[in-house]
Structure formats: structure tokens, C-alpha cells
Protein backbone atom coordinates (compact mmCIF):
# COMPACT_ATOMS: atom_id res chain seq x y z
CA MET A 1 0.00 -0.24 -0.11
CA ILE A 2 0.95 3.17 -1.11
CA GLU A 3 1.09 6.77 1.49
CA VAL A 4 0.10 9.95 -0.39
CA TYR A 5 -0.32 12.78 1.61
CA THR A 6 -1.43 16.06 0.04
CA ASP A 7 -1.39 19.57 0.29
CA GLY A 8 -2.52 23.17 -1.51
CA ALA A 9 -1.63 26.34 -0.15
CA SER A 10 -2.12 29.92 -2.02
CA SER A 11 -0.95 33.23 -1.13
CA GLY A 12 -4.04 35.08 -0.95
CA ASN A 13 -7.19 33.75 -1.94
CA PRO A 14 -6.97 33.84 -4.62
CA GLY A 15 -3.39 34.06 -4.89
CA ILE A 16 -0.06 32.35 -6.50
CA SER A 17 -0.25 28.63 -5.14
CA GLY A 18 1.25 25.22 -4.85
CA ALA A 19 0.96 21.75 -4.43
CA GLY A 20 3.00 19.70 -1.96
CA ILE A 21 2.95 15.56 -2.32
CA TYR A 22 4.70 13.30 0.08
CA ILE A 23 4.50 9.89 -0.53
CA LYS A 24 5.92 6.78 1.34
CA ALA A 25 6.32 3.42 -0.57
CA SER A 26 8.13 0.68 0.04
CA GLY A 27 10.06 2.14 3.06
CA LYS A 28 11.26 4.97 0.94
CA THR A 29 9.79 8.73 0.42
CA HIS A 30 8.99 10.64 -2.75
CA GLU A 31 8.43 14.49 -2.12
CA TYR A 32 7.05 16.44 -5.45
CA LEU A 33 6.28 19.95 -5.18
CA PHE A 34 4.54 22.11 -8.13
CA PRO A 35 4.01 25.53 -8.98
CA LEU A 36 0.04 26.44 -9.50
CA GLY A 37 0.11 29.73 -10.74
CA GLU A 38 -3.50 31.85 -9.29
CA MET A 39 -5.98 30.00 -7.45
CA SER A 40 -7.86 29.69 -4.71
CA ASN A 41 -6.86 27.10 -1.55
CA HIS A 42 -9.46 25.23 -2.22
CA GLU A 43 -8.67 24.78 -5.94
CA ALA A 44 -4.48 24.06 -4.93
CA GLU A 45 -6.01 21.11 -2.72
CA PHE A 46 -7.73 19.73 -5.37
CA HIS A 47 -4.70 19.95 -7.75
CA ALA A 48 -2.64 18.40 -5.31
CA VAL A 49 -4.79 15.06 -5.25
CA ILE A 50 -4.99 15.20 -8.88
CA LYS A 51 -1.50 15.69 -9.41
CA ALA A 52 -0.18 12.42 -6.94
CA LEU A 53 -2.63 10.42 -9.15
CA GLU A 54 -0.68 11.45 -11.95
CA ILE A 55 2.71 10.65 -10.05
CA CYS A 56 1.32 7.21 -8.88
CA VAL A 57 -0.66 6.27 -12.43
CA GLU A 58 3.31 6.61 -13.75
CA HIS A 59 5.36 5.44 -10.64
CA PHE A 60 3.10 3.12 -8.89
CA PRO A 61 0.97 1.53 -11.04
CA GLY A 62 -1.76 -0.93 -10.05
CA GLU A 63 -0.98 0.03 -6.15
CA ILE A 64 -3.15 0.23 -3.37
CA LEU A 65 -3.55 4.20 -2.58
CA SER A 66 -4.13 5.54 0.52
CA PHE A 67 -4.44 9.00 0.66
CA ARG A 68 -4.44 11.79 3.11
CA SER A 69 -5.20 15.89 2.96
CA ASP A 70 -6.59 18.19 5.22
CA SER A 71 -9.01 19.62 3.77
CA LYS A 72 -11.99 18.68 4.33
CA LEU A 73 -13.59 19.87 1.49
CA VAL A 74 -11.60 17.65 -1.10
CA VAL A 75 -11.83 14.82 1.16
CA ASP A 76 -15.82 15.13 1.54
CA ALA A 77 -16.44 16.02 -2.40
CA ILE A 78 -14.35 12.40 -3.28
CA GLU A 79 -15.75 10.56 -0.59
CA LYS A 80 -19.23 11.46 -1.98
CA ASP A 81 -18.64 11.50 -5.29
CA PHE A 82 -20.60 15.17 -5.29
CA THR A 83 -19.78 18.74 -5.51
CA LYS A 84 -22.14 21.61 -5.93
CA ASN A 85 -19.20 24.05 -6.82
CA GLN A 86 -19.15 24.34 -10.53
CA ILE A 87 -15.33 25.17 -10.53
CA PHE A 88 -14.74 21.84 -8.17
CA LEU A 89 -16.29 19.60 -11.08
CA PRO A 90 -14.39 18.95 -13.69
CA MET A 91 -11.25 18.31 -10.82
CA LEU A 92 -13.48 15.84 -9.03
CA GLU A 93 -14.19 14.20 -12.62
CA LYS A 94 -10.65 13.94 -13.10
CA ILE A 95 -10.20 12.48 -9.52
CA ARG A 96 -12.60 10.07 -10.61
CA GLU A 97 -10.72 9.41 -13.62
CA GLU A 98 -7.02 8.81 -12.47
CA ALA A 99 -7.86 6.63 -8.87
CA SER A 100 -10.17 4.44 -11.55
CA ASN A 101 -6.69 3.41 -13.06
CA PHE A 102 -6.42 2.08 -9.02
CA PRO A 103 -7.96 -1.50 -7.74
CA TYR A 104 -8.52 0.42 -4.24
CA PHE A 105 -8.36 4.37 -3.92
CA PHE A 106 -9.08 5.62 -0.34
CA ILE A 107 -8.58 9.21 1.09
CA LYS A 108 -9.66 10.44 5.09
CA TRP A 109 -8.63 13.80 6.53
CA ILE A 110 -5.95 14.41 8.67
CA PRO A 111 -5.32 17.60 11.14
CA GLU A 112 -2.85 19.72 9.32
CA LYS A 113 -0.45 19.20 12.03
CA SER A 114 -0.37 15.59 10.93
CA ASN A 115 0.36 16.70 7.08
CA LYS A 116 3.61 19.00 7.63
CA ASN A 117 5.67 17.20 4.83
CA ALA A 118 3.23 18.28 2.25
CA ASP A 119 2.17 21.47 3.73
CA GLN A 120 6.35 22.55 3.82
CA LEU A 121 6.45 21.00 -0.62
CA ALA A 122 3.46 23.62 -1.03
CA ARG A 123 4.67 26.28 0.34
CA LYS A 124 7.61 25.91 -1.39
CA ALA A 125 6.22 25.31 -4.64
CA ILE A 126 4.59 28.55 -3.81
CA ARG A 127 8.35 30.44 -3.02
CA MET A 128 9.44 29.62 -6.48
CA GLN A 129 6.83 31.39 -8.64
């Protein structure tokens, strides 16, 4: 099972944003960061999950994925497979599409203090812009 921690951050809301992804797999850790340009914090959180799924498709095909995020909005939308927000809908559809490449995809909410590695990577991605 692959453990994936994701975080999106924005400097301002909306503002310059970044995504951070921290993956634990087979006793190793992998770190990724992505500058995202200008968007809301919630959009950055969705993009972090999408980027993480794309990484997993490439590097961990066929694995069981256990995602963790400190965004209740994103976790709830994915778990319920529903959002009223038309801005989030295409991102939710992309997550659904990417997650279908895996036998099992789980996501759970964690407190911010448990997501420090992904948060630091997201903030570093903001500073890169």
C-alpha cells in the first residue's frame, strides 16, 4: 500500500498557489512540489490530489492507494463523489478518472499537524514563482 499526503496552499485567496505531495512507498519517501499559478486555496488542494494521482499512475501502477489530506472540503467531495461547486466539478471528475486506474483508492482527512511534509512542499512551490 502506498501512503500519499497531499496539500495545496495559496498566498492570498485567490493567490499564487502550490501543491505539495509526500509519498511513502516500500520503505522510501518521495517528495514532489508543483507551482500552480493563481487560484484559490481549495482549487490548489484539488490540484494536489490530481498531481499525486498522476504521479502514482506513472510510478506506482496497480498499487493500493491511501491518500491523506487536511482539506475537509476535498476529502468530503471525493468520498461523496459530489460537489455543487461548478469550479470544482471538472477537478473531481479528473480525480475519479485517475483513481479508476487503481484497484483501491482511499482518502481520509487528517489534521494539519499530521501533514507537515506536504505543507512545506506546497509552500516551497509558492516561493518558486
